[in-house]
C-alpha cells in the first residue's frame, strides 16, 4: 500500500464541479471519459486527479 492515497470523489461531488446532474457523470464513466472505481458496496467513486485533469481540458472550451 502506498503512503499517498488518491482522494476519491462521489458522483455528486464531480457533478458539482462540472455543474451537471450526477447521472451525467455516470454516463461519462460508461462512455469511458472517466474511470469509475466501485466500492465494496457497489458505489462509484472517481479519482480527484483525473476529474481535475478533465475539468482543466473543459475550461479551455466554451461549454
PDB file of N, CA and C in Angstrom:
ATOM      1  N   UNK A   1       0.852  -1.186   0.000  1.00  0.00           N
ATOM      2  CA  UNK A   1       0.000   0.000   0.000  1.00  0.00           C
ATOM      3  C   UNK A   1       0.891   1.241   0.000  1.00  0.00           C
ATOM      4  N   UNK A   2       0.579   2.214  -0.828  1.00  0.00           N
ATOM      5  CA  UNK A   2       1.389   3.419  -0.919  1.00  0.00           C
ATOM      6  C   UNK A   2       1.061   4.375   0.232  1.00  0.00           C
ATOM      7  N   UNK A   3       2.056   5.201   0.559  1.00  0.00           N
ATOM      8  CA  UNK A   3       1.852   6.154   1.647  1.00  0.00           C
ATOM      9  C   UNK A   3       0.920   7.286   1.228  1.00  0.00           C
ATOM     10  N   UNK A   4       0.887   7.571  -0.088  1.00  0.00           N
ATOM     11  CA  UNK A   4      -0.012   8.606  -0.606  1.00  0.00           C
ATOM     12  C   UNK A   4      -1.233   7.956  -1.225  1.00  0.00           C
ATOM     13  N   UNK A   5      -2.398   8.227  -0.672  1.00  0.00           N
ATOM     14  CA  UNK A   5      -3.617   7.662  -1.226  1.00  0.00           C
ATOM     15  C   UNK A   5      -4.329   8.710  -2.056  1.00  0.00           C
ATOM     16  N   UNK A   6      -4.890   8.252  -3.162  1.00  0.00           N
ATOM     17  CA  UNK A   6      -5.644   9.131  -4.068  1.00  0.00           C
ATOM     18  C   UNK A   6      -6.969   9.510  -3.412  1.00  0.00           C
ATOM     19  N   UNK A   7      -7.315  10.786  -3.489  1.00  0.00           N
ATOM     20  CA  UNK A   7      -8.593  11.251  -2.965  1.00  0.00           C
ATOM     21  C   UNK A   7      -9.681  10.861  -3.955  1.00  0.00           C
ATOM     22  N   UNK A   8     -10.748  10.240  -3.462  1.00  0.00           N
ATOM     23  CA  UNK A   8     -11.848   9.802  -4.321  1.00  0.00           C
ATOM     24  C   UNK A   8     -13.064  10.689  -4.118  1.00  0.00           C
ATOM     25  N   UNK A   9     -13.743  10.977  -5.216  1.00  0.00           N
ATOM     26  CA  UNK A   9     -14.921  11.837  -5.190  1.00  0.00           C
ATOM     27  C   UNK A   9     -16.171  11.035  -5.523  1.00  0.00           C
ATOM     28  N   UNK A  10     -17.280  11.430  -4.944  1.00  0.00           N
ATOM     29  CA  UNK A  10     -18.566  10.802  -5.241  1.00  0.00           C
ATOM     30  C   UNK A  10     -19.104  11.390  -6.549  1.00  0.00           C
ATOM     31  N   UNK A  11     -20.073  10.718  -7.170  1.00  0.00           N
ATOM     32  CA  UNK A  11     -20.688  11.293  -8.373  1.00  0.00           C
ATOM     33  C   UNK A  11     -21.267  12.688  -8.129  1.00  0.00           C
ATOM     34  N   UNK A  12     -21.831  12.916  -6.963  1.00  0.00           N
ATOM     35  CA  UNK A  12     -22.407  14.236  -6.647  1.00  0.00           C
ATOM     36  C   UNK A  12     -21.326  15.314  -6.586  1.00  0.00           C
ATOM     37  N   UNK A  13     -20.185  14.979  -6.005  1.00  0.00           N
ATOM     38  CA  UNK A  13     -19.091  15.951  -5.926  1.00  0.00           C
ATOM     39  C   UNK A  13     -18.553  16.293  -7.312  1.00  0.00           C
ATOM     40  N   UNK A  14     -18.414  15.279  -8.155  1.00  0.00           N
ATOM     41  CA  UNK A  14     -17.957  15.507  -9.533  1.00  0.00           C
ATOM     42  C   UNK A  14     -18.986  16.350 -10.285  1.00  0.00           C
ATOM     43  N   UNK A  15     -20.248  16.024 -10.093  1.00  0.00           N
ATOM     44  CA  UNK A  15     -21.324  16.761 -10.764  1.00  0.00           C
ATOM     45  C   UNK A  15     -21.315  18.233 -10.373  1.00  0.00           C
ATOM     46  N   UNK A  16     -21.042  18.524  -9.114  1.00  0.00           N
ATOM     47  CA  UNK A  16     -20.992  19.924  -8.655  1.00  0.00           C
ATOM     48  C   UNK A  16     -19.854  20.670  -9.346  1.00  0.00           C
ATOM     49  N   UNK A  17     -18.712  20.015  -9.520  1.00  0.00           N
ATOM     50  CA  UNK A  17     -17.573  20.661 -10.164  1.00  0.00           C
ATOM     51  C   UNK A  17     -17.873  21.025 -11.617  1.00  0.00           C
ATOM     52  N   UNK A  18     -18.596  20.147 -12.312  1.00  0.00           N
ATOM     53  CA  UNK A  18     -18.911  20.361 -13.720  1.00  0.00           C
ATOM     54  C   UNK A  18     -20.255  21.056 -13.930  1.00  0.00           C
ATOM     55  N   UNK A  19     -21.007  21.224 -12.836  1.00  0.00           N
ATOM     56  CA  UNK A  19     -22.349  21.818 -12.897  1.00  0.00           C
ATOM     57  C   UNK A  19     -23.272  21.021 -13.807  1.00  0.00           C
ATOM     58  N   UNK A  20     -23.277  19.694 -13.565  1.00  0.00           N
ATOM     59  CA  UNK A  20     -24.156  18.782 -14.299  1.00  0.00           C
ATOM     60  C   UNK A  20     -24.871  17.883 -13.295  1.00  0.00           C
ATOM     61  N   UNK A  21     -25.795  17.077 -13.785  1.00  0.00           N
ATOM     62  CA  UNK A  21     -26.507  16.116 -12.953  1.00  0.00           C
ATOM     63  C   UNK A  21     -25.599  14.915 -12.663  1.00  0.00           C
ATOM     64  N   UNK A  22     -25.687  14.308 -11.471  1.00  0.00           N
ATOM     65  CA  UNK A  22     -24.867  13.132 -11.170  1.00  0.00           C
ATOM     66  C   UNK A  22     -25.043  11.986 -12.173  1.00  0.00           C
ATOM     67  N   UNK A  23     -26.222  11.875 -12.769  1.00  0.00           N
ATOM     68  CA  UNK A  23     -26.422  10.821 -13.774  1.00  0.00           C
ATOM     69  C   UNK A  23     -25.569  11.066 -15.014  1.00  0.00           C
ATOM     70  N   UNK A  24     -25.268  12.324 -15.290  1.00  0.00           N
ATOM     71  CA  UNK A  24     -24.385  12.652 -16.411  1.00  0.00           C
ATOM     72  C   UNK A  24     -22.986  12.121 -16.135  1.00  0.00           C
ATOM     73  N   UNK A  25     -22.544  12.231 -14.905  1.00  0.00           N
ATOM     74  CA  UNK A  25     -21.229  11.720 -14.521  1.00  0.00           C
ATOM     75  C   UNK A  25     -21.182  10.206 -14.718  1.00  0.00           C
ATOM     76  N   UNK A  26     -22.238   9.513 -14.367  1.00  0.00           N
ATOM     77  CA  UNK A  26     -22.322   8.068 -14.566  1.00  0.00           C
ATOM     78  C   UNK A  26     -22.256   7.731 -16.053  1.00  0.00           C
ATOM     79  N   UNK A  27     -22.937   8.520 -16.878  1.00  0.00           N
ATOM     80  CA  UNK A  27     -22.889   8.292 -18.330  1.00  0.00           C
ATOM     81  C   UNK A  27     -21.477   8.503 -18.867  1.00  0.00           C
ATOM     82  N   UNK A  28     -20.774   9.508 -18.353  1.00  0.00           N
ATOM     83  CA  UNK A  28     -19.396   9.747 -18.773  1.00  0.00           C
ATOM     84  C   UNK A  28     -18.517   8.544 -18.443  1.00  0.00           C
ATOM     85  N   UNK A  29     -18.741   7.966 -17.274  1.00  0.00           N
ATOM     86  CA  UNK A  29     -17.956   6.794 -16.871  1.00  0.00           C
ATOM     87  C   UNK A  29     -18.248   5.617 -17.802  1.00  0.00           C
ATOM     88  N   UNK A  30     -19.510   5.415 -18.136  1.00  0.00           N
ATOM     89  CA  UNK A  30     -19.878   4.320 -19.057  1.00  0.00           C
ATOM     90  C   UNK A  30     -19.304   4.552 -20.449  1.00  0.00           C
ATOM     91  N   UNK A  31     -19.173   5.824 -20.849  1.00  0.00           N
ATOM     92  CA  UNK A  31     -18.638   6.169 -22.163  1.00  0.00           C
ATOM     93  C   UNK A  31     -17.104   6.146 -22.185  1.00  0.00           C
ATOM     94  N   UNK A  32     -16.490   6.000 -21.018  1.00  0.00           N
ATOM     95  CA  UNK A  32     -15.030   5.933 -20.951  1.00  0.00           C
ATOM     96  C   UNK A  32     -14.327   7.263 -20.749  1.00  0.00           C
ATOM     97  N   UNK A  33     -15.070   8.326 -20.495  1.00  0.00           N
ATOM     98  CA  UNK A  33     -14.460   9.634 -20.270  1.00  0.00           C
ATOM     99  C   UNK A  33     -13.833   9.733 -18.880  1.00  0.00           C
ATOM    100  N   UNK A  34     -14.380   8.995 -17.943  1.00  0.00           N
ATOM    101  CA  UNK A  34     -13.873   8.940 -16.569  1.00  0.00           C
ATOM    102  C   UNK A  34     -13.755   7.478 -16.154  1.00  0.00           C
ATOM    103  N   UNK A  35     -12.801   7.209 -15.281  1.00  0.00           N
ATOM    104  CA  UNK A  35     -12.642   5.861 -14.752  1.00  0.00           C
ATOM    105  C   UNK A  35     -13.373   5.772 -13.421  1.00  0.00           C
ATOM    106  N   UNK A  36     -14.328   4.874 -13.336  1.00  0.00           N
ATOM    107  CA  UNK A  36     -15.086   4.686 -12.094  1.00  0.00           C
ATOM    108  C   UNK A  36     -14.455   3.560 -11.291  1.00  0.00           C
ATOM    109  N   UNK A  37     -14.312   3.796 -10.009  1.00  0.00           N
ATOM    110  CA  UNK A  37     -13.851   2.772  -9.080  1.00  0.00           C
ATOM    111  C   UNK A  37     -15.062   2.386  -8.252  1.00  0.00           C
ATOM    112  N   UNK A  38     -15.345   1.105  -8.207  1.00  0.00           N
ATOM    113  CA  UNK A  38     -16.514   0.653  -7.430  1.00  0.00           C
ATOM    114  C   UNK A  38     -16.079   0.273  -6.018  1.00  0.00           C
ATOM    115  N   UNK A  39     -16.857   0.739  -5.039  1.00  0.00           N
ATOM    116  CA  UNK A  39     -16.604   0.387  -3.645  1.00  0.00           C
ATOM    117  C   UNK A  39     -17.159  -1.013  -3.387  1.00  0.00           C
ATOM    118  N   UNK A  40     -16.890  -1.532  -2.220  1.00  0.00           N
ATOM    119  CA  UNK A  40     -17.418  -2.844  -1.858  1.00  0.00           C
ATOM    120  C   UNK A  40     -18.948  -2.845  -1.859  1.00  0.00           C
ATOM    121  N   UNK A  41     -19.540  -1.706  -1.588  1.00  0.00           N
ATOM    122  CA  UNK A  41     -20.992  -1.584  -1.576  1.00  0.00           C
ATOM    123  C   UNK A  41     -21.589  -1.336  -2.954  1.00  0.00           C
ATOM    124  N   UNK A  42     -20.737  -1.250  -3.998  1.00  0.00           N
ATOM    125  CA  UNK A  42     -21.217  -1.053  -5.352  1.00  0.00           C
ATOM    126  C   UNK A  42     -21.377   0.399  -5.776  1.00  0.00           C
ATOM    127  N   UNK A  43     -20.878   1.329  -4.955  1.00  0.00           N
ATOM    128  CA  UNK A  43     -20.983   2.751  -5.285  1.00  0.00           C
ATOM    129  C   UNK A  43     -19.786   3.172  -6.133  1.00  0.00           C
ATOM    130  N   UNK A  44     -20.003   4.121  -7.022  1.00  0.00           N
ATOM    131  CA  UNK A  44     -18.922   4.607  -7.872  1.00  0.00           C
ATOM    132  C   UNK A  44     -18.180   5.756  -7.197  1.00  0.00           C
ATOM    133  N   UNK A  45     -16.866   5.738  -7.390  1.00  0.00           N
ATOM    134  CA  UNK A  45     -16.013   6.834  -6.929  1.00  0.00           C
ATOM    135  C   UNK A  45     -15.053   7.173  -8.055  1.00  0.00           C
ATOM    136  N   UNK A  46     -14.609   8.425  -8.083  1.00  0.00           N
ATOM    137  CA  UNK A  46     -13.755   8.910  -9.164  1.00  0.00           C
ATOM    138  C   UNK A  46     -12.507   9.550  -8.579  1.00  0.00           C
ATOM    139  N   UNK A  47     -11.358   9.299  -9.223  1.00  0.00           N
ATOM    140  CA  UNK A  47     -10.093   9.861  -8.759  1.00  0.00           C
ATOM    141  C   UNK A  47     -10.108  11.377  -8.954  1.00  0.00           C
ATOM    142  N   UNK A  48      -9.761  12.079  -7.890  1.00  0.00           N
ATOM    143  CA  UNK A  48      -9.783  13.537  -7.941  1.00  0.00           C
ATOM    144  C   UNK A  48      -8.824  14.072  -9.003  1.00  0.00           C
ATOM    145  N   UNK A  49      -7.654  13.468  -9.135  1.00  0.00           N
ATOM    146  CA  UNK A  49      -6.673  13.943 -10.114  1.00  0.00           C
ATOM    147  C   UNK A  49      -7.202  13.809 -11.542  1.00  0.00           C
ATOM    148  N   UNK A  50      -7.902  12.714 -11.830  1.00  0.00           N
ATOM    149  CA  UNK A  50      -8.470  12.501 -13.163  1.00  0.00           C
ATOM    150  C   UNK A  50      -9.596  13.499 -13.435  1.00  0.00           C
ATOM    151  N   UNK A  51     -10.414  13.743 -12.426  1.00  0.00           N
ATOM    152  CA  UNK A  51     -11.526  14.697 -12.571  1.00  0.00           C
ATOM    153  C   UNK A  51     -10.969  16.103 -12.802  1.00  0.00           C
ATOM    154  N   UNK A  52      -9.954  16.496 -12.036  1.00  0.00           N
ATOM    155  CA  UNK A  52      -9.369  17.834 -12.190  1.00  0.00           C
ATOM    156  C   UNK A  52      -8.721  17.986 -13.562  1.00  0.00           C
ATOM    157  N   UNK A  53      -8.094  16.900 -14.067  1.00  0.00           N
ATOM    158  CA  UNK A  53      -7.492  16.953 -15.402  1.00  0.00           C
ATOM    159  C   UNK A  53      -8.572  17.151 -16.463  1.00  0.00           C
ATOM    160  N   UNK A  54      -9.677  16.439 -16.337  1.00  0.00           N
ATOM    161  CA  UNK A  54     -10.782  16.587 -17.270  1.00  0.00           C
ATOM    162  C   UNK A  54     -11.409  17.971 -17.150  1.00  0.00           C
ATOM    163  N   UNK A  55     -11.518  18.458 -15.950  1.00  0.00           N
ATOM    164  CA  UNK A  55     -12.056  19.797 -15.729  1.00  0.00           C
ATOM    165  C   UNK A  55     -11.163  20.849 -16.379  1.00  0.00           C
ATOM    166  N   UNK A  56      -9.859  20.639 -16.292  1.00  0.00           N
ATOM    167  CA  UNK A  56      -8.902  21.567 -16.914  1.00  0.00           C
ATOM    168  C   UNK A  56      -9.038  21.619 -18.423  1.00  0.00           C
ATOM    169  N   UNK A  57      -9.311  20.478 -19.057  1.00  0.00           N
ATOM    170  CA  UNK A  57      -9.478  20.467 -20.502  1.00  0.00           C
ATOM    171  C   UNK A  57     -10.782  21.138 -20.894  1.00  0.00           C
ATOM    172  N   UNK A  58     -11.789  21.065 -20.047  1.00  0.00           N
ATOM    173  CA  UNK A  58     -13.087  21.666 -20.338  1.00  0.00           C
ATOM    174  C   UNK A  58     -13.092  23.173 -20.109  1.00  0.00           C
ATOM    175  N   UNK A  59     -12.173  23.669 -19.284  1.00  0.00           N
ATOM    176  CA  UNK A  59     -12.131  25.102 -19.019  1.00  0.00           C
ATOM    177  C   UNK A  59     -11.696  25.878 -20.252  1.00  0.00           C
ATOM    178  N   UNK A  60     -10.939  25.231 -21.140  1.00  0.00           N
ATOM    179  CA  UNK A  60     -10.467  25.919 -22.327  1.00  0.00           C
ATOM    180  C   UNK A  60     -11.518  25.928 -23.428  1.00  0.00           C
ATOM    181  N   UNK A  61     -12.540  25.085 -23.299  1.00  0.00           N
ATOM    182  CA  UNK A  61     -13.605  25.003 -24.294  1.00  0.00           C
ATOM    183  C   UNK A  61     -14.812  25.817 -23.848  1.00  0.00           C
ATOM    184  N   UNK A  62     -15.545  26.324 -24.787  1.00  0.00           N
ATOM    185  CA  UNK A  62     -16.806  27.004 -24.469  1.00  0.00           C
ATOM    186  C   UNK A  62     -17.870  25.930 -24.276  1.00  0.00           C
ATOM    187  N   UNK A  63     -18.477  25.916 -23.109  1.00  0.00           N
ATOM    188  CA  UNK A  63     -19.465  24.877 -22.795  1.00  0.00           C
ATOM    189  C   UNK A  63     -20.851  25.393 -23.091  1.00  0.00           C
TER     190      UNK A  63
END
